[in-house]
Amino acid sequence: MHIQARRELLAIFLADTTAARARLADGKEVPGQLGTLVAATDADGRPLPDNVVAENLLGFMFAGHDTTSTSLTQLLAVLQEHPAVVDKLRAEQAALVAKHGPGVSGAMLREMVYADAVVK
């Protein structure tokens, strides 16, 4: 990764870490991986340093990107061999768009039963 881009991402993650710690101090929840990392402690019970949290977030971002892109590529390769499955996926999506509109919502995602099964 380009050094400048890495620095910029780390600066963003450090700012996010600071904001997350403030939310925790206010008794608010911090969801996701960031919340897990800022709540974590080392073997001596001390919070992880901000730079460690930021570096971990950077690692998760790129590790997640690689595994996600590989999985999606494999899924698309399999789907091209099963046009009936693609047709059923399209029908499910068309019905959901007709019901909920073109934007994706939590309700719509919960109703993507067939798509969920295909991805899993």
C-alpha atoms as a PDB file:
ATOM      1  CA  MET A   1       0.000   0.000   0.000  1.00  0.00           C
ATOM      2  CA  HIS A   2       1.222   3.484  -0.734  1.00  0.00           C
ATOM      3  CA  ILE A   3       2.818   4.959   2.398  1.00  0.00           C
ATOM      4  CA  GLN A   4       0.832   8.216   2.240  1.00  0.00           C
ATOM      5  CA  ALA A   5      -2.486   6.364   1.872  1.00  0.00           C
ATOM      6  CA  ARG A   6      -1.572   4.175   4.839  1.00  0.00           C
ATOM      7  CA  ARG A   7      -0.788   7.242   6.939  1.00  0.00           C
ATOM      8  CA  GLU A   8      -4.095   8.853   5.981  1.00  0.00           C
ATOM      9  CA  LEU A   9      -6.063   5.725   6.868  1.00  0.00           C
ATOM     10  CA  LEU A  10      -4.263   5.409  10.192  1.00  0.00           C
ATOM     11  CA  ALA A  11      -5.062   9.059  10.971  1.00  0.00           C
ATOM     12  CA  ILE A  12      -8.745   8.379  10.276  1.00  0.00           C
ATOM     13  CA  PHE A  13      -8.689   5.254  12.437  1.00  0.00           C
ATOM     14  CA  LEU A  14      -6.921   7.116  15.259  1.00  0.00           C
ATOM     15  CA  ALA A  15      -9.617   9.813  15.179  1.00  0.00           C
ATOM     16  CA  ASP A  16     -12.298   7.109  15.177  1.00  0.00           C
ATOM     17  CA  THR A  17     -10.589   5.441  18.137  1.00  0.00           C
ATOM     18  CA  THR A  18     -10.534   8.699  20.109  1.00  0.00           C
ATOM     19  CA  ALA A  19     -14.225   9.290  19.361  1.00  0.00           C
ATOM     20  CA  ALA A  20     -15.078   5.703  20.315  1.00  0.00           C
ATOM     21  CA  ARG A  21     -13.285   6.000  23.645  1.00  0.00           C
ATOM     22  CA  ALA A  22     -15.245   9.204  24.358  1.00  0.00           C
ATOM     23  CA  ARG A  23     -18.503   7.400  23.569  1.00  0.00           C
ATOM     24  CA  LEU A  24     -17.566   4.575  25.941  1.00  0.00           C
ATOM     25  CA  ALA A  25     -16.672   7.099  28.648  1.00  0.00           C
ATOM     26  CA  ASP A  26     -20.162   8.595  28.204  1.00  0.00           C
ATOM     27  CA  GLY A  27     -21.665   5.146  28.736  1.00  0.00           C
ATOM     28  CA  LYS A  28     -22.643   4.760  25.089  1.00  0.00           C
ATOM     29  CA  GLU A  29     -22.224   1.631  23.024  1.00  0.00           C
ATOM     30  CA  VAL A  30     -19.604   1.435  20.292  1.00  0.00           C
ATOM     31  CA  PRO A  31     -20.669  -1.276  17.853  1.00  0.00           C
ATOM     32  CA  GLY A  32     -18.564  -3.430  15.578  1.00  0.00           C
ATOM     33  CA  GLN A  33     -14.882  -4.208  15.494  1.00  0.00           C
ATOM     34  CA  LEU A  34     -13.939  -0.738  16.711  1.00  0.00           C
ATOM     35  CA  GLY A  35     -16.054  -1.226  19.825  1.00  0.00           C
ATOM     36  CA  THR A  36     -14.464  -4.593  20.480  1.00  0.00           C
ATOM     37  CA  LEU A  37     -10.956  -3.181  20.148  1.00  0.00           C
ATOM     38  CA  VAL A  38     -11.445  -0.079  22.295  1.00  0.00           C
ATOM     39  CA  ALA A  39     -13.035  -2.205  25.026  1.00  0.00           C
ATOM     40  CA  ALA A  40     -10.222  -4.784  24.900  1.00  0.00           C
ATOM     41  CA  THR A  41      -7.431  -4.884  27.452  1.00  0.00           C
ATOM     42  CA  ASP A  42      -3.961  -6.376  27.472  1.00  0.00           C
ATOM     43  CA  ALA A  43      -2.766  -9.110  29.841  1.00  0.00           C
ATOM     44  CA  ASP A  44      -2.317  -6.511  32.605  1.00  0.00           C
ATOM     45  CA  GLY A  45      -5.835  -5.117  32.187  1.00  0.00           C
ATOM     46  CA  ARG A  46      -4.755  -1.919  30.422  1.00  0.00           C
ATOM     47  CA  PRO A  47      -6.676  -0.678  27.363  1.00  0.00           C
ATOM     48  CA  LEU A  48      -4.979  -1.275  24.037  1.00  0.00           C
ATOM     49  CA  PRO A  49      -3.037   1.814  22.886  1.00  0.00           C
ATOM     50  CA  ASP A  50      -4.757   3.874  20.194  1.00  0.00           C
ATOM     51  CA  ASN A  51      -2.056   3.089  17.620  1.00  0.00           C
ATOM     52  CA  VAL A  52      -2.571  -0.654  18.211  1.00  0.00           C
ATOM     53  CA  VAL A  53      -6.321  -0.266  17.722  1.00  0.00           C
ATOM     54  CA  ALA A  54      -5.741   1.722  14.506  1.00  0.00           C
ATOM     55  CA  GLU A  55      -3.243  -0.819  13.136  1.00  0.00           C
ATOM     56  CA  ASN A  56      -5.672  -3.656  13.876  1.00  0.00           C
ATOM     57  CA  LEU A  57      -8.488  -1.839  12.078  1.00  0.00           C
ATOM     58  CA  LEU A  58      -6.243  -1.361   9.062  1.00  0.00           C
ATOM     59  CA  GLY A  59      -5.357  -5.053   9.076  1.00  0.00           C
ATOM     60  CA  PHE A  60      -9.002  -6.116   9.376  1.00  0.00           C
ATOM     61  CA  MET A  61      -9.986  -3.797   6.553  1.00  0.00           C
ATOM     62  CA  PHE A  62      -7.533  -5.297   4.090  1.00  0.00           C
ATOM     63  CA  ALA A  63      -7.907  -8.886   5.282  1.00  0.00           C
ATOM     64  CA  GLY A  64     -11.675  -8.530   4.979  1.00  0.00           C
ATOM     65  CA  HIS A  65     -11.349  -7.019   1.519  1.00  0.00           C
ATOM     66  CA  ASP A  66      -9.256  -9.921   0.251  1.00  0.00           C
ATOM     67  CA  THR A  67     -11.476 -12.690   1.609  1.00  0.00           C
ATOM     68  CA  THR A  68     -14.662 -10.912   0.529  1.00  0.00           C
ATOM     69  CA  SER A  69     -13.449 -10.302  -3.011  1.00  0.00           C
ATOM     70  CA  THR A  70     -12.266 -13.909  -3.328  1.00  0.00           C
ATOM     71  CA  SER A  71     -15.585 -15.255  -2.048  1.00  0.00           C
ATOM     72  CA  LEU A  72     -17.607 -13.031  -4.376  1.00  0.00           C
ATOM     73  CA  THR A  73     -15.477 -14.045  -7.354  1.00  0.00           C
ATOM     74  CA  GLN A  74     -16.052 -17.722  -6.578  1.00  0.00           C
ATOM     75  CA  LEU A  75     -19.788 -17.130  -6.103  1.00  0.00           C
ATOM     76  CA  LEU A  76     -20.057 -15.395  -9.489  1.00  0.00           C
ATOM     77  CA  ALA A  77     -18.149 -18.229 -11.163  1.00  0.00           C
ATOM     78  CA  VAL A  78     -20.571 -20.791  -9.718  1.00  0.00           C
ATOM     79  CA  LEU A  79     -23.639 -18.695 -10.550  1.00  0.00           C
ATOM     80  CA  GLN A  80     -22.718 -18.503 -14.226  1.00  0.00           C
ATOM     81  CA  GLU A  81     -23.087 -22.278 -14.356  1.00  0.00           C
ATOM     82  CA  HIS A  82     -26.564 -22.185 -12.768  1.00  0.00           C
ATOM     83  CA  PRO A  83     -28.839 -19.809 -14.704  1.00  0.00           C
ATOM     84  CA  ALA A  84     -31.962 -21.070 -12.904  1.00  0.00           C
ATOM     85  CA  VAL A  85     -30.479 -19.908  -9.599  1.00  0.00           C
ATOM     86  CA  VAL A  86     -29.696 -16.495 -11.109  1.00  0.00           C
ATOM     87  CA  ASP A  87     -33.274 -16.251 -12.407  1.00  0.00           C
ATOM     88  CA  LYS A  88     -34.638 -17.040  -8.953  1.00  0.00           C
ATOM     89  CA  LEU A  89     -32.316 -14.460  -7.365  1.00  0.00           C
ATOM     90  CA  ARG A  90     -33.487 -11.824  -9.851  1.00  0.00           C
ATOM     91  CA  ALA A  91     -37.125 -12.661  -9.175  1.00  0.00           C
ATOM     92  CA  GLU A  92     -36.602 -12.358  -5.425  1.00  0.00           C
ATOM     93  CA  GLN A  93     -34.851  -9.007  -5.825  1.00  0.00           C
ATOM     94  CA  ALA A  94     -37.508  -7.661  -8.212  1.00  0.00           C
ATOM     95  CA  ALA A  95     -40.248  -8.586  -5.735  1.00  0.00           C
ATOM     96  CA  LEU A  96     -38.382  -6.899  -2.889  1.00  0.00           C
ATOM     97  CA  VAL A  97     -37.788  -3.716  -4.896  1.00  0.00           C
ATOM     98  CA  ALA A  98     -41.482  -3.662  -5.811  1.00  0.00           C
ATOM     99  CA  LYS A  99     -42.367  -3.997  -2.127  1.00  0.00           C
ATOM    100  CA  HIS A 100     -39.738  -1.736  -0.508  1.00  0.00           C
ATOM    101  CA  GLY A 101     -38.508   0.554  -3.273  1.00  0.00           C
ATOM    102  CA  PRO A 102     -35.037   0.679  -4.834  1.00  0.00           C
ATOM    103  CA  GLY A 103     -33.048   1.482  -1.667  1.00  0.00           C
ATOM    104  CA  VAL A 104     -31.688  -1.329   0.480  1.00  0.00           C
ATOM    105  CA  SER A 105     -33.017  -1.442   4.037  1.00  0.00           C
ATOM    106  CA  GLY A 106     -32.676  -3.751   7.006  1.00  0.00           C
ATOM    107  CA  ALA A 107     -36.194  -5.018   6.364  1.00  0.00           C
ATOM    108  CA  MET A 108     -35.318  -5.799   2.765  1.00  0.00           C
ATOM    109  CA  LEU A 109     -32.142  -7.623   3.783  1.00  0.00           C
ATOM    110  CA  ARG A 110     -34.073  -9.770   6.264  1.00  0.00           C
ATOM    111  CA  GLU A 111     -36.443 -10.794   3.475  1.00  0.00           C
ATOM    112  CA  MET A 112     -33.643 -11.886   1.107  1.00  0.00           C
ATOM    113  CA  VAL A 113     -34.078 -15.507   2.117  1.00  0.00           C
ATOM    114  CA  TYR A 114     -33.022 -17.050  -1.187  1.00  0.00           C
ATOM    115  CA  ALA A 115     -30.078 -14.669  -1.680  1.00  0.00           C
ATOM    116  CA  ASP A 116     -28.922 -15.404   1.864  1.00  0.00           C
ATOM    117  CA  ALA A 117     -29.041 -19.152   1.184  1.00  0.00           C
ATOM    118  CA  VAL A 118     -27.114 -18.759  -2.081  1.00  0.00           C
ATOM    119  CA  VAL A 119     -24.374 -16.699  -0.453  1.00  0.00           C
ATOM    120  CA  LYS A 120     -24.032 -19.100   2.464  1.00  0.00           C
END
